[in-house]
């Protein structure tokens, strides 16, 4: 990413506050802590509606966003600021794997104070560009399930736990023939699901133990075993000791094209269907820490 002069030496910015369902109860506290009145407050439980608001604001020149809530907010802001420089500030409010992957602190006072700091510490972090079957590109910060994410996401929301979500709907009972094309090499696999990740954590679970959102690479896990393999892994997912596993293949490419059938889900939300192209976008997010 190439930053303009204003981003290298930012002036204190009036933020747009983005709030999901998890963060609504914190909104009065957020307003109290902000150094200025916010430009506006966008509240929704639908990340794609929030993403549209963020995108319009970014196109109008807004560069500071306060994210209140869980991963819904980060999914929205990542999608909305794609192609624009932005300073993102976290204000807790729920389980959020994406900020944890990025190493962001959760103290409200510390984070909102960054808006008034003319030289805050920043991280330039990667995202994943996903181009599914219909050709509509989506920017994702954390990871994408291919083939089995919907049931896992729905169960995780209902139970308030990704462990429950993965146990009930983590992988398909059926396996599909997939082809993972990376450069000139095509890996043909029979898999119950694939996870293309940028970060280590998902809902507090260390799904991809060595993934790093700033290394310029994707982390791809291919689950070749039946659904009960994931059930057996659950006790070890919290510490990330489920890998290596004889029926889980891992790859570390810059880009991967997956041929096959099945839906795609980013943090439990549908983003299209296979086949799809996944490409790392280095330094796409500029985050104040």
Foldseek 3Di string as FASTA:
>chain_A
DDDDPCVQQPAQAAEEEEEEPQFPVCVVVLCVLAPDHHPYYHYYNQLCVLLVVLQVVQVVPHAEYEYGAAQSSVQSNQQNQFPGHHAYFYAYRYHHVLCVLVVHDHDSNVRSVLSRDRDFDKDQFKWKWKQAPVRDIGTARWKKKAAFLQQLLVQCVVVVASLRSCLVGVFDQAWWWKWKDAPPDIDTATARIKMKTQGQDDRQFRQPVPHHGAPLKIKMKTQRDGSVLSVVCSVVRNVPPSPPDPRIDIDIGQKIFMATWHFMDHSNHTDYIDRMIMGMDHSRYMYGD
